[in-house]
């Protein structure tokens, strides 16, 4: 589905990832995790600066 938040400023067409920092204000990001033992979870794609198409991938990748 589509999620919207007028405070977002996504790059249209960019993937949305689950954040590894787990902040209280924003736990999604367009920066893919790169740390050892981090899990890469794609949550969707930005369709507009303030909207994402939410469609989580079923495959997770752990960075070695």
PDB file of N, CA and C in Angstrom:
ATOM      1  N   UNK A   1       0.806  -1.180   0.000  1.00  0.00           N
ATOM      2  CA  UNK A   1       0.000   0.000   0.000  1.00  0.00           C
ATOM      3  C   UNK A   1       0.858   1.255   0.000  1.00  0.00           C
ATOM      4  N   UNK A   2       0.227   2.372   0.028  1.00  0.00           N
ATOM      5  CA  UNK A   2       0.900   3.670   0.017  1.00  0.00           C
ATOM      6  C   UNK A   2       0.882   4.267   1.423  1.00  0.00           C
ATOM      7  N   UNK A   3       2.024   4.767   1.856  1.00  0.00           N
ATOM      8  CA  UNK A   3       2.127   5.493   3.126  1.00  0.00           C
ATOM      9  C   UNK A   3       2.583   6.908   2.814  1.00  0.00           C
ATOM     10  N   UNK A   4       2.019   7.880   3.540  1.00  0.00           N
ATOM     11  CA  UNK A   4       2.358   9.285   3.288  1.00  0.00           C
ATOM     12  C   UNK A   4       2.659   9.995   4.599  1.00  0.00           C
ATOM     13  N   UNK A   5       3.675  10.836   4.543  1.00  0.00           N
ATOM     14  CA  UNK A   5       4.014  11.698   5.671  1.00  0.00           C
ATOM     15  C   UNK A   5       4.589  12.972   5.061  1.00  0.00           C
ATOM     16  N   UNK A   6       3.937  14.094   5.278  1.00  0.00           N
ATOM     17  CA  UNK A   6       4.364  15.346   4.652  1.00  0.00           C
ATOM     18  C   UNK A   6       5.721  15.839   5.136  1.00  0.00           C
ATOM     19  N   UNK A   7       6.269  15.250   6.177  1.00  0.00           N
ATOM     20  CA  UNK A   7       7.599  15.650   6.649  1.00  0.00           C
ATOM     21  C   UNK A   7       8.719  14.871   5.955  1.00  0.00           C
ATOM     22  N   UNK A   8       8.377  13.824   5.215  1.00  0.00           N
ATOM     23  CA  UNK A   8       9.395  13.056   4.495  1.00  0.00           C
ATOM     24  C   UNK A   8       9.945  13.869   3.335  1.00  0.00           C
ATOM     25  N   UNK A   9      11.154  13.527   2.912  1.00  0.00           N
ATOM     26  CA  UNK A   9      11.779  14.166   1.747  1.00  0.00           C
ATOM     27  C   UNK A   9      12.584  13.110   0.984  1.00  0.00           C
ATOM     28  N   UNK A  10      11.881  12.072   0.522  1.00  0.00           N
ATOM     29  CA  UNK A  10      12.537  10.956  -0.158  1.00  0.00           C
ATOM     30  C   UNK A  10      13.016  11.337  -1.552  1.00  0.00           C
ATOM     31  N   UNK A  11      13.999  10.599  -2.040  1.00  0.00           N
ATOM     32  CA  UNK A  11      14.419  10.673  -3.433  1.00  0.00           C
ATOM     33  C   UNK A  11      13.523   9.716  -4.202  1.00  0.00           C
ATOM     34  N   UNK A  12      12.744  10.251  -5.122  1.00  0.00           N
ATOM     35  CA  UNK A  12      11.778   9.440  -5.865  1.00  0.00           C
ATOM     36  C   UNK A  12      12.493   8.317  -6.611  1.00  0.00           C
ATOM     37  N   UNK A  13      11.951   7.114  -6.490  1.00  0.00           N
ATOM     38  CA  UNK A  13      12.515   5.940  -7.144  1.00  0.00           C
ATOM     39  C   UNK A  13      13.508   5.186  -6.283  1.00  0.00           C
ATOM     40  N   UNK A  14      13.930   5.793  -5.168  1.00  0.00           N
ATOM     41  CA  UNK A  14      14.889   5.141  -4.279  1.00  0.00           C
ATOM     42  C   UNK A  14      14.221   4.140  -3.361  1.00  0.00           C
ATOM     43  N   UNK A  15      14.950   3.087  -3.028  1.00  0.00           N
ATOM     44  CA  UNK A  15      14.446   2.080  -2.107  1.00  0.00           C
ATOM     45  C   UNK A  15      14.371   2.642  -0.687  1.00  0.00           C
ATOM     46  N   UNK A  16      13.447   2.109   0.099  1.00  0.00           N
ATOM     47  CA  UNK A  16      13.287   2.463   1.502  1.00  0.00           C
ATOM     48  C   UNK A  16      13.700   1.245   2.322  1.00  0.00           C
ATOM     49  N   UNK A  17      14.595   1.458   3.289  1.00  0.00           N
ATOM     50  CA  UNK A  17      15.129   0.373   4.112  1.00  0.00           C
ATOM     51  C   UNK A  17      14.721   0.550   5.568  1.00  0.00           C
ATOM     52  N   UNK A  18      14.695  -0.553   6.291  1.00  0.00           N
ATOM     53  CA  UNK A  18      14.542  -0.504   7.732  1.00  0.00           C
ATOM     54  C   UNK A  18      15.849   0.012   8.312  1.00  0.00           C
ATOM     55  N   UNK A  19      15.777   0.985   9.198  1.00  0.00           N
ATOM     56  CA  UNK A  19      16.967   1.581   9.799  1.00  0.00           C
ATOM     57  C   UNK A  19      17.557   0.656  10.860  1.00  0.00           C
ATOM     58  N   UNK A  20      18.864   0.665  10.976  1.00  0.00           N
ATOM     59  CA  UNK A  20      19.532  -0.121  12.026  1.00  0.00           C
ATOM     60  C   UNK A  20      19.696   0.692  13.301  1.00  0.00           C
ATOM     61  N   UNK A  21      19.402   1.996  13.254  1.00  0.00           N
ATOM     62  CA  UNK A  21      19.576   2.833  14.439  1.00  0.00           C
ATOM     63  C   UNK A  21      18.370   2.805  15.357  1.00  0.00           C
ATOM     64  N   UNK A  22      17.184   2.545  14.815  1.00  0.00           N
ATOM     65  CA  UNK A  22      15.985   2.417  15.632  1.00  0.00           C
ATOM     66  C   UNK A  22      15.629   3.651  16.434  1.00  0.00           C
ATOM     67  N   UNK A  23      15.684   4.821  15.805  1.00  0.00           N
ATOM     68  CA  UNK A  23      15.326   6.043  16.506  1.00  0.00           C
ATOM     69  C   UNK A  23      13.825   6.100  16.744  1.00  0.00           C
ATOM     70  N   UNK A  24      13.393   6.946  17.648  1.00  0.00           N
ATOM     71  CA  UNK A  24      11.966   7.041  17.937  1.00  0.00           C
ATOM     72  C   UNK A  24      11.218   7.846  16.882  1.00  0.00           C
ATOM     73  N   UNK A  25      11.905   8.714  16.152  1.00  0.00           N
ATOM     74  CA  UNK A  25      11.231   9.561  15.179  1.00  0.00           C
ATOM     75  C   UNK A  25      11.199   9.012  13.772  1.00  0.00           C
ATOM     76  N   UNK A  26      12.153   8.179  13.411  1.00  0.00           N
ATOM     77  CA  UNK A  26      12.213   7.682  12.042  1.00  0.00           C
ATOM     78  C   UNK A  26      13.001   6.387  12.012  1.00  0.00           C
ATOM     79  N   UNK A  27      12.343   5.303  11.737  1.00  0.00           N
ATOM     80  CA  UNK A  27      13.031   4.023  11.679  1.00  0.00           C
ATOM     81  C   UNK A  27      13.129   3.492  10.259  1.00  0.00           C
ATOM     82  N   UNK A  28      12.891   4.367   9.276  1.00  0.00           N
ATOM     83  CA  UNK A  28      13.092   3.999   7.881  1.00  0.00           C
ATOM     84  C   UNK A  28      14.033   5.007   7.240  1.00  0.00           C
ATOM     85  N   UNK A  29      14.759   4.557   6.223  1.00  0.00           N
ATOM     86  CA  UNK A  29      15.797   5.379   5.613  1.00  0.00           C
ATOM     87  C   UNK A  29      15.996   4.966   4.158  1.00  0.00           C
ATOM     88  N   UNK A  30      16.646   5.813   3.392  1.00  0.00           N
ATOM     89  CA  UNK A  30      17.029   5.444   2.032  1.00  0.00           C
ATOM     90  C   UNK A  30      18.496   5.045   1.964  1.00  0.00           C
ATOM     91  N   UNK A  31      19.142   4.956   3.101  1.00  0.00           N
ATOM     92  CA  UNK A  31      20.533   4.509   3.158  1.00  0.00           C
ATOM     93  C   UNK A  31      20.566   3.047   3.582  1.00  0.00           C
ATOM     94  N   UNK A  32      21.077   2.196   2.708  1.00  0.00           N
ATOM     95  CA  UNK A  32      21.146   0.770   3.025  1.00  0.00           C
ATOM     96  C   UNK A  32      22.169   0.529   4.132  1.00  0.00           C
ATOM     97  N   UNK A  33      21.874  -0.394   5.049  1.00  0.00           N
ATOM     98  CA  UNK A  33      22.847  -0.744   6.083  1.00  0.00           C
ATOM     99  C   UNK A  33      24.126  -1.292   5.452  1.00  0.00           C
ATOM    100  N   UNK A  34      25.278  -0.994   6.083  1.00  0.00           N
ATOM    101  CA  UNK A  34      26.558  -1.460   5.535  1.00  0.00           C
ATOM    102  C   UNK A  34      27.452  -2.106   6.583  1.00  0.00           C
ATOM    103  N   UNK A  35      27.021  -2.148   7.834  1.00  0.00           N
ATOM    104  CA  UNK A  35      27.861  -2.677   8.909  1.00  0.00           C
ATOM    105  C   UNK A  35      27.857  -4.195   8.966  1.00  0.00           C
ATOM    106  N   UNK A  36      28.941  -4.736   9.484  1.00  0.00           N
ATOM    107  CA  UNK A  36      29.040  -6.184   9.663  1.00  0.00           C
ATOM    108  C   UNK A  36      27.895  -6.655  10.553  1.00  0.00           C
ATOM    109  N   UNK A  37      27.257  -7.737  10.156  1.00  0.00           N
ATOM    110  CA  UNK A  37      26.138  -8.371  10.851  1.00  0.00           C
ATOM    111  C   UNK A  37      24.832  -7.566  10.761  1.00  0.00           C
ATOM    112  N   UNK A  38      24.812  -6.460   9.987  1.00  0.00           N
ATOM    113  CA  UNK A  38      23.565  -5.730   9.760  1.00  0.00           C
ATOM    114  C   UNK A  38      22.665  -6.549   8.839  1.00  0.00           C
ATOM    115  N   UNK A  39      21.370  -6.411   9.031  1.00  0.00           N
ATOM    116  CA  UNK A  39      20.384  -7.046   8.160  1.00  0.00           C
ATOM    117  C   UNK A  39      19.816  -5.979   7.227  1.00  0.00           C
ATOM    118  N   UNK A  40      19.822  -6.276   5.929  1.00  0.00           N
ATOM    119  CA  UNK A  40      19.246  -5.364   4.932  1.00  0.00           C
ATOM    120  C   UNK A  40      17.807  -5.811   4.676  1.00  0.00           C
ATOM    121  N   UNK A  41      16.859  -4.946   5.015  1.00  0.00           N
ATOM    122  CA  UNK A  41      15.435  -5.228   4.810  1.00  0.00           C
ATOM    123  C   UNK A  41      14.837  -4.101   3.980  1.00  0.00           C
ATOM    124  N   UNK A  42      14.487  -4.394   2.743  1.00  0.00           N
ATOM    125  CA  UNK A  42      13.848  -3.401   1.881  1.00  0.00           C
ATOM    126  C   UNK A  42      12.359  -3.363   2.223  1.00  0.00           C
ATOM    127  N   UNK A  43      11.862  -2.164   2.518  1.00  0.00           N
ATOM    128  CA  UNK A  43      10.462  -1.995   2.894  1.00  0.00           C
ATOM    129  C   UNK A  43       9.581  -1.516   1.750  1.00  0.00           C
ATOM    130  N   UNK A  44      10.191  -0.881   0.758  1.00  0.00           N
ATOM    131  CA  UNK A  44       9.406  -0.364  -0.358  1.00  0.00           C
ATOM    132  C   UNK A  44      10.227   0.589  -1.196  1.00  0.00           C
ATOM    133  N   UNK A  45       9.527   1.468  -1.907  1.00  0.00           N
ATOM    134  CA  UNK A  45      10.179   2.424  -2.792  1.00  0.00           C
ATOM    135  C   UNK A  45       9.457   3.769  -2.695  1.00  0.00           C
ATOM    136  N   UNK A  46      10.225   4.843  -2.825  1.00  0.00           N
ATOM    137  CA  UNK A  46       9.644   6.191  -2.788  1.00  0.00           C
ATOM    138  C   UNK A  46       8.972   6.491  -4.121  1.00  0.00           C
ATOM    139  N   UNK A  47       7.694   6.836  -4.061  1.00  0.00           N
ATOM    140  CA  UNK A  47       6.952   7.194  -5.272  1.00  0.00           C
ATOM    141  C   UNK A  47       6.784   8.705  -5.404  1.00  0.00           C
ATOM    142  N   UNK A  48       7.117   9.429  -4.349  1.00  0.00           N
ATOM    143  CA  UNK A  48       6.985  10.884  -4.282  1.00  0.00           C
ATOM    144  C   UNK A  48       7.850  11.309  -3.103  1.00  0.00           C
ATOM    145  N   UNK A  49       8.161  12.571  -2.985  1.00  0.00           N
ATOM    146  CA  UNK A  49       8.983  13.044  -1.864  1.00  0.00           C
ATOM    147  C   UNK A  49       8.358  12.730  -0.508  1.00  0.00           C
ATOM    148  N   UNK A  50       7.033  12.644  -0.460  1.00  0.00           N
ATOM    149  CA  UNK A  50       6.373  12.372   0.825  1.00  0.00           C
ATOM    150  C   UNK A  50       5.523  11.101   0.840  1.00  0.00           C
ATOM    151  N   UNK A  51       5.764  10.196  -0.135  1.00  0.00           N
ATOM    152  CA  UNK A  51       5.007   8.938  -0.190  1.00  0.00           C
ATOM    153  C   UNK A  51       5.908   7.761  -0.515  1.00  0.00           C
ATOM    154  N   UNK A  52       5.573   6.621   0.087  1.00  0.00           N
ATOM    155  CA  UNK A  52       6.278   5.386  -0.262  1.00  0.00           C
ATOM    156  C   UNK A  52       5.258   4.312  -0.622  1.00  0.00           C
ATOM    157  N   UNK A  53       5.661   3.467  -1.545  1.00  0.00           N
ATOM    158  CA  UNK A  53       4.892   2.271  -1.860  1.00  0.00           C
ATOM    159  C   UNK A  53       5.450   1.202  -0.944  1.00  0.00           C
ATOM    160  N   UNK A  54       4.664   0.820   0.051  1.00  0.00           N
ATOM    161  CA  UNK A  54       5.101  -0.124   1.073  1.00  0.00           C
ATOM    162  C   UNK A  54       4.851  -1.543   0.581  1.00  0.00           C
ATOM    163  N   UNK A  55       5.960  -2.266   0.314  1.00  0.00           N
ATOM    164  CA  UNK A  55       5.892  -3.654  -0.134  1.00  0.00           C
ATOM    165  C   UNK A  55       7.181  -4.342   0.323  1.00  0.00           C
ATOM    166  N   UNK A  56       7.211  -4.779   1.577  1.00  0.00           N
ATOM    167  CA  UNK A  56       8.441  -5.384   2.101  1.00  0.00           C
ATOM    168  C   UNK A  56       8.870  -6.614   1.306  1.00  0.00           C
ATOM    169  N   UNK A  57      10.171  -6.731   1.095  1.00  0.00           N
ATOM    170  CA  UNK A  57      10.741  -7.905   0.459  1.00  0.00           C
ATOM    171  C   UNK A  57      10.707  -9.057   1.452  1.00  0.00           C
ATOM    172  N   UNK A  58      10.506 -10.267   0.959  1.00  0.00           N
ATOM    173  CA  UNK A  58      10.474 -11.435   1.825  1.00  0.00           C
ATOM    174  C   UNK A  58      11.866 -11.975   2.133  1.00  0.00           C
ATOM    175  N   UNK A  59      12.860 -11.518   1.378  1.00  0.00           N
ATOM    176  CA  UNK A  59      14.225 -11.975   1.568  1.00  0.00           C
ATOM    177  C   UNK A  59      15.011 -10.911   2.313  1.00  0.00           C
ATOM    178  N   UNK A  60      15.704 -11.308   3.376  1.00  0.00           N
ATOM    179  CA  UNK A  60      16.610 -10.427   4.126  1.00  0.00           C
ATOM    180  C   UNK A  60      18.026 -10.857   3.832  1.00  0.00           C
ATOM    181  N   UNK A  61      18.965  -9.925   3.851  1.00  0.00           N
ATOM    182  CA  UNK A  61      20.361 -10.227   3.616  1.00  0.00           C
ATOM    183  C   UNK A  61      21.172  -9.760   4.804  1.00  0.00           C
ATOM    184  N   UNK A  62      22.017 -10.631   5.326  1.00  0.00           N
ATOM    185  CA  UNK A  62      22.923 -10.240   6.418  1.00  0.00           C
ATOM    186  C   UNK A  62      24.287  -9.929   5.827  1.00  0.00           C
ATOM    187  N   UNK A  63      24.844  -8.789   6.201  1.00  0.00           N
ATOM    188  CA  UNK A  63      26.155  -8.377   5.706  1.00  0.00           C
ATOM    189  C   UNK A  63      27.215  -9.076   6.537  1.00  0.00           C
ATOM    190  N   UNK A  64      28.130  -9.710   5.853  1.00  0.00           N
ATOM    191  CA  UNK A  64      29.203 -10.455   6.551  1.00  0.00           C
ATOM    192  C   UNK A  64      30.335  -9.532   6.945  1.00  0.00           C
TER     193      UNK A  64
END
